Protein backbone atom coordinates (compact mmCIF):
# COMPACT_ATOMS: atom_id res chain seq x y z
CA UNK A 1 12.20 -0.33 4.00
CA UNK A 2 11.51 -3.93 2.89
CA UNK A 3 9.07 -6.18 4.71
CA UNK A 4 10.19 -9.80 5.13
CA UNK A 5 7.88 -12.69 5.84
CA UNK A 6 8.24 -14.26 9.29
CA UNK A 7 6.77 -17.71 9.92
CA UNK A 8 7.06 -17.04 13.66
CA UNK A 9 4.70 -14.06 13.45
CA UNK A 10 2.25 -15.22 10.81
CA UNK A 11 -0.88 -16.02 12.81
CA UNK A 12 -2.65 -17.62 9.86
CA UNK A 13 0.25 -19.91 9.10
CA UNK A 14 0.76 -20.93 12.75
CA UNK A 15 -2.94 -21.77 13.14
CA UNK A 16 -2.82 -24.04 10.07
CA UNK A 17 0.36 -25.69 11.36
CA UNK A 18 -1.24 -26.35 14.76
CA UNK A 19 -4.21 -28.01 13.04
CA UNK A 20 -1.82 -30.17 11.03
CA UNK A 21 0.10 -31.02 14.19
CA UNK A 22 -3.10 -32.20 15.87
CA UNK A 23 -3.72 -34.53 12.93
CA UNK A 24 -0.16 -35.87 13.12
CA UNK A 25 -0.38 -36.42 16.88
CA UNK A 26 -3.75 -38.15 16.54
CA UNK A 27 -2.41 -40.53 13.87
CA UNK A 28 0.47 -41.34 16.21
CA UNK A 29 -1.96 -42.02 19.08
CA UNK A 30 -0.49 -39.16 21.12
CA UNK A 31 -2.21 -36.58 23.30
CA UNK A 32 -1.77 -33.43 21.24
CA UNK A 33 -0.35 -30.40 23.02
CA UNK A 34 -1.43 -28.42 19.96
CA UNK A 35 -5.06 -28.69 21.10
CA UNK A 36 -4.28 -26.89 24.35
CA UNK A 37 -2.19 -24.29 22.51
CA UNK A 38 -5.08 -23.56 20.14
CA UNK A 39 -7.57 -23.27 22.98
CA UNK A 40 -5.38 -20.95 25.03
CA UNK A 41 -4.38 -18.65 22.21
CA UNK A 42 -7.12 -18.60 19.56
CA UNK A 43 -10.50 -19.06 21.24
CA UNK A 44 -12.92 -16.48 22.59
CA UNK A 45 -12.06 -12.86 21.98
CA UNK A 46 -8.28 -13.32 22.00
CA UNK A 47 -6.35 -10.89 19.84
CA UNK A 48 -4.69 -13.77 17.98
CA UNK A 49 -8.13 -15.18 17.24
CA UNK A 50 -9.21 -11.83 15.81
CA UNK A 51 -6.15 -11.61 13.57
CA UNK A 52 -6.52 -15.23 12.48
CA UNK A 53 -10.02 -14.44 11.21
CA UNK A 54 -8.41 -12.08 8.69
CA UNK A 55 -6.23 -14.87 7.34
CA UNK A 56 -9.19 -17.27 7.37
CA UNK A 57 -11.14 -14.85 5.19
CA UNK A 58 -8.44 -15.11 2.53
CA UNK A 59 -8.34 -18.90 2.71
CA UNK A 60 -12.11 -19.33 2.47
CA UNK A 61 -12.73 -16.91 -0.40
CA UNK A 62 -11.55 -18.13 -3.79
CA UNK A 63 -12.86 -17.55 -7.27
CA UNK A 64 -14.61 -14.29 -6.36
CA UNK A 65 -14.98 -11.39 -8.79
CA UNK A 66 -12.58 -8.46 -8.88
CA UNK A 67 -14.73 -5.98 -6.98
CA UNK A 68 -15.38 -8.44 -4.15
CA UNK A 69 -11.67 -9.30 -4.00
CA UNK A 70 -10.81 -5.60 -3.68
CA UNK A 71 -13.44 -5.20 -0.97
CA UNK A 72 -12.06 -8.19 0.94
CA UNK A 73 -8.51 -6.82 0.90
CA UNK A 74 -9.65 -3.32 1.89
CA UNK A 75 -11.73 -4.67 4.78
CA UNK A 76 -8.89 -6.83 6.05
CA UNK A 77 -6.49 -3.89 5.92
CA UNK A 78 -8.91 -1.65 7.80
CA UNK A 79 -9.59 -4.23 10.53
CA UNK A 80 -5.87 -4.98 10.84
CA UNK A 81 -5.14 -1.33 11.53
CA UNK A 82 -7.51 -1.42 14.51
CA UNK A 83 -5.78 -4.32 16.25
CA UNK A 84 -3.36 -3.51 19.06
CA UNK A 85 0.14 -4.08 17.70
CA UNK A 86 1.77 -4.25 21.17
CA UNK A 87 -0.93 -6.72 22.19
CA UNK A 88 -0.30 -8.87 19.12
CA UNK A 89 3.44 -8.82 19.69
CA UNK A 90 3.08 -10.01 23.28
CA UNK A 91 0.55 -12.69 22.33
CA UNK A 92 2.75 -14.04 19.53
CA UNK A 93 5.74 -14.18 21.85
CA UNK A 94 3.74 -16.36 24.26
CA UNK A 95 2.40 -18.49 21.39
CA UNK A 96 5.88 -19.30 20.07
CA UNK A 97 7.07 -20.05 23.61
CA UNK A 98 4.19 -22.54 24.02
CA UNK A 99 5.04 -24.23 20.73
CA UNK A 100 8.75 -24.43 21.56
CA UNK A 101 7.92 -26.06 24.90
CA UNK A 102 5.82 -28.76 23.25
CA UNK A 103 7.51 -29.38 19.89
CA UNK A 104 10.76 -29.19 17.95
CA UNK A 105 10.34 -25.75 16.42
CA UNK A 106 12.19 -26.57 13.20
CA UNK A 107 10.12 -29.68 12.57
CA UNK A 108 6.93 -27.80 13.44
CA UNK A 109 7.57 -25.02 10.92
CA UNK A 110 8.89 -27.54 8.39
CA UNK A 111 5.39 -28.87 7.66
CA UNK A 112 3.79 -27.81 4.38
CA UNK A 113 0.66 -25.66 4.46
CA UNK A 114 -1.86 -24.99 1.72
CA UNK A 115 -2.23 -21.38 0.57
CA UNK A 116 1.21 -20.62 2.02
CA UNK A 117 1.95 -17.98 -0.62
CA UNK A 118 -1.29 -16.09 0.04
CA UNK A 119 -0.85 -16.29 3.81
CA UNK A 120 2.69 -14.96 3.53
CA UNK A 121 1.55 -12.14 1.23
CA UNK A 122 -1.21 -11.11 3.64
CA UNK A 123 1.25 -11.08 6.55
CA UNK A 124 3.59 -8.76 4.62
CA UNK A 125 0.73 -6.49 3.55
CA UNK A 126 -0.60 -6.12 7.10
CA UNK A 127 2.92 -5.59 8.47
CA UNK A 128 3.43 -2.79 5.98
CA UNK A 129 0.14 -1.23 7.09
CA UNK A 130 1.18 -1.17 10.72
CA UNK A 131 4.83 -0.19 10.30
CA UNK A 132 5.91 3.32 11.22
CA UNK A 133 8.66 3.34 8.58
CA UNK A 134 8.07 4.07 4.91
CA UNK A 135 7.86 0.72 3.13
CA UNK A 136 9.13 -0.04 -0.37
CA UNK A 137 5.98 0.43 -2.51
CA UNK A 138 6.89 -2.52 -4.73
CA UNK A 139 6.52 -4.80 -1.70
CA UNK A 140 2.92 -3.64 -1.31
CA UNK A 141 2.16 -4.02 -5.01
CA UNK A 142 3.66 -7.52 -5.18
CA UNK A 143 1.84 -8.79 -2.10
CA UNK A 144 -1.53 -7.30 -2.97
CA UNK A 145 -1.18 -8.75 -6.47
CA UNK A 146 -0.56 -12.21 -4.96
CA UNK A 147 -3.62 -11.93 -2.72
CA UNK A 148 -5.90 -10.70 -5.52
CA UNK A 149 -4.73 -13.49 -7.82
CA UNK A 150 -5.41 -15.98 -5.03
CA UNK A 151 -8.92 -14.60 -4.49
CA UNK A 152 -9.94 -14.16 -8.13
CA UNK A 153 -7.90 -16.96 -9.69
CA UNK A 154 -7.11 -14.42 -12.41
CA UNK A 155 -3.83 -12.65 -13.35
CA UNK A 156 -3.62 -9.06 -12.12
CA UNK A 157 -2.24 -5.93 -13.79
CA UNK A 158 0.52 -4.41 -11.65
CA UNK A 159 -0.47 -0.91 -12.76
CA UNK A 160 -4.09 -1.47 -11.74
CA UNK A 161 -2.99 -2.79 -8.35
CA UNK A 162 -0.74 0.25 -7.88
CA UNK A 163 -3.65 2.57 -8.78
CA UNK A 164 -5.93 1.02 -6.16
CA UNK A 165 -3.19 1.21 -3.52
CA UNK A 166 -2.56 4.89 -4.24
CA UNK A 167 -6.29 5.64 -4.06
CA UNK A 168 -6.72 3.68 -0.85
CA UNK A 169 -3.66 4.93 1.04
CA UNK A 170 -4.32 8.57 0.17
CA UNK A 171 -7.29 8.40 2.59
CA UNK A 172 -5.14 7.40 5.57
CA UNK A 173 -2.85 9.16 8.00
CA UNK A 174 0.52 10.84 7.51
CA UNK A 175 2.69 7.74 7.14
CA UNK A 176 0.47 6.04 4.56
CA UNK A 177 -0.01 9.27 2.62
CA UNK A 178 3.75 9.62 2.51
CA UNK A 179 3.81 6.14 1.07
CA UNK A 180 1.23 7.20 -1.51
CA UNK A 181 3.47 10.05 -2.61
CA UNK A 182 6.43 7.68 -2.81
CA UNK A 183 4.41 5.48 -5.16
CA UNK A 184 3.57 8.50 -7.25
CA UNK A 185 7.21 9.51 -7.29
CA UNK A 186 8.19 6.10 -8.63
CA UNK A 187 5.51 6.34 -11.28
CA UNK A 188 6.72 9.75 -12.39
CA UNK A 189 10.28 8.50 -12.46
CA UNK A 190 9.13 5.80 -14.86
CA UNK A 191 7.22 8.25 -17.03
CA UNK A 192 9.69 11.12 -16.91
CA UNK A 193 13.11 9.53 -17.15
CA UNK A 194 14.81 12.94 -16.97
CA UNK A 195 12.89 15.13 -14.58
CA UNK A 196 13.35 18.86 -14.86
CA UNK A 197 14.75 20.66 -11.78
CA UNK A 198 11.36 22.32 -11.25
CA UNK A 199 9.61 18.95 -11.39
CA UNK A 200 11.99 17.44 -8.86
CA UNK A 201 11.46 20.39 -6.53
CA UNK A 202 7.67 20.10 -6.69
CA UNK A 203 7.81 16.33 -6.18
CA UNK A 204 9.94 16.87 -3.10
CA UNK A 205 7.36 19.32 -1.74
CA UNK A 206 4.53 16.86 -2.36
CA UNK A 207 6.41 14.16 -0.46
CA UNK A 208 7.61 16.23 2.49
CA UNK A 209 4.32 18.11 2.86
CA UNK A 210 2.03 15.11 2.38
CA UNK A 211 0.57 15.60 5.87
CA UNK A 212 -0.26 19.28 5.36
CA UNK A 213 -2.94 20.24 2.85
CA UNK A 214 -2.41 23.92 3.71
CA UNK A 215 1.28 23.74 2.84
CA UNK A 216 0.57 21.87 -0.39
CA UNK A 217 -2.15 24.36 -1.30
CA UNK A 218 0.34 27.21 -0.95
CA UNK A 219 2.97 25.40 -3.02
CA UNK A 220 0.52 24.46 -5.77
CA UNK A 221 -0.90 27.97 -6.02
CA UNK A 222 2.58 29.54 -6.13
CA UNK A 223 3.66 27.18 -8.89
CA UNK A 224 0.43 27.62 -10.85
CA UNK A 225 0.83 31.39 -10.69
CA UNK A 226 4.42 31.18 -11.98
CA UNK A 227 3.47 28.78 -14.75
CA UNK A 228 0.52 30.90 -15.90
CA UNK A 229 2.79 33.94 -16.19
CA UNK A 230 5.57 32.02 -17.92
CA UNK A 231 3.20 30.43 -20.46
CA UNK A 232 1.62 33.82 -21.20
CA UNK A 233 5.06 35.35 -21.88
CA UNK A 234 6.11 32.43 -24.07
CA UNK A 235 2.83 32.68 -26.00
CA UNK A 236 3.83 36.21 -27.11
CA UNK A 237 6.97 34.78 -28.70
CA UNK A 238 5.10 32.16 -30.75
CA UNK A 239 4.49 33.07 -34.40
CA UNK A 240 1.81 30.47 -35.08
CA UNK A 241 -1.52 32.17 -34.33
CA UNK A 242 -3.38 28.95 -33.57
CA UNK A 243 -0.73 27.84 -31.08
CA UNK A 244 -0.68 31.32 -29.56
CA UNK A 245 -4.46 31.24 -29.00
CA UNK A 246 -4.25 27.81 -27.35
CA UNK A 247 -1.42 28.92 -25.09
CA UNK A 248 -3.37 32.01 -24.05
CA UNK A 249 -6.31 29.78 -23.19
CA UNK A 250 -4.09 27.48 -21.12
CA UNK A 251 -2.59 30.44 -19.29
CA UNK A 252 -6.03 31.82 -18.42
CA UNK A 253 -7.32 28.38 -17.36
CA UNK A 254 -4.62 28.04 -14.69
CA UNK A 255 -6.46 29.40 -11.67
CA UNK A 256 -5.56 29.32 -7.96
CA UNK A 257 -7.20 26.75 -5.72
CA UNK A 258 -9.35 27.68 -2.76
CA UNK A 259 -8.85 26.72 0.86
CA UNK A 260 -11.66 24.17 0.50
CA UNK A 261 -9.90 22.29 -2.30
CA UNK A 262 -8.14 19.06 -1.38
CA UNK A 263 -4.78 18.54 -3.09
CA UNK A 264 -4.66 15.26 -5.01
CA UNK A 265 -2.28 13.51 -7.39
CA UNK A 266 -4.25 15.10 -10.26
CA UNK A 267 -2.79 18.49 -9.29
CA UNK A 268 0.68 16.98 -9.33
CA UNK A 269 0.04 15.55 -12.79
CA UNK A 270 -1.10 18.95 -14.05
CA UNK A 271 1.99 20.67 -12.68
CA UNK A 272 4.25 18.11 -14.32
CA UNK A 273 2.54 18.54 -17.67
CA UNK A 274 2.71 22.33 -17.48
CA UNK A 275 6.43 22.15 -16.74
CA UNK A 276 6.95 19.91 -19.76
CA UNK A 277 5.02 22.39 -21.89
CA UNK A 278 7.13 25.30 -20.67
CA UNK A 279 10.28 23.34 -21.31
CA UNK A 280 9.23 22.55 -24.88
CA UNK A 281 8.25 26.15 -25.61
CA UNK A 282 11.53 27.45 -24.18
CA UNK A 283 13.49 25.22 -26.54
CA UNK A 284 11.68 26.42 -29.67
């Protein structure tokens, strides 16, 4: 699923537009309806006010170092996940209705706003966080990259951004861990252009069982057991003594995991590498 930016739902953008509208109305010697709209929707402990603070944090922090930028994004994401999505939806519906009643909506949203790109990127990133569907991982990477570049004023490595997203989302619930596995799948597809049938099968298990450590533990142990036996058999067919010794060592080093072990992407990497090794030995 792709996430598209919506000006009508971007709290940070709407707040900035209302402030601009107040300035325009003041210059035209008009009583500004935007003042009332701001007071009714963004003051006190309103849910729109809480979400706007997340956008404001992005706008006010520029030129920070990489670690602080990462911390800012992580904090915003965490706070965003705690906000009531039904409550936000209802509040935004009322906000747009208020704006439509007071202004020409096309002219209102036609005004230019500073930091538009960063505000749009943050909207998309938070929407992806709070969406029940699996989002295209590239959308997340692109938007987080935009935000980090805005905060640090430095170019960002897409691979580094993807790494931090995978690490961060692996800590969350089922949907975001499924997204983590989808990111990993894309990475493996880039690295292994022609996946072996066994690799595809294991990847499928990692994706479909992302919410069950017990299931993944069983799958990993079953595969490790098969691989250890296969490598040991193949080692007996190798004539080179040095290679044979190394293969025997690899076979013995493949040990089952315990119930206390948490399955991570490192286990998936190991399985993939073992399958490649078996494939190479089989073709000798």
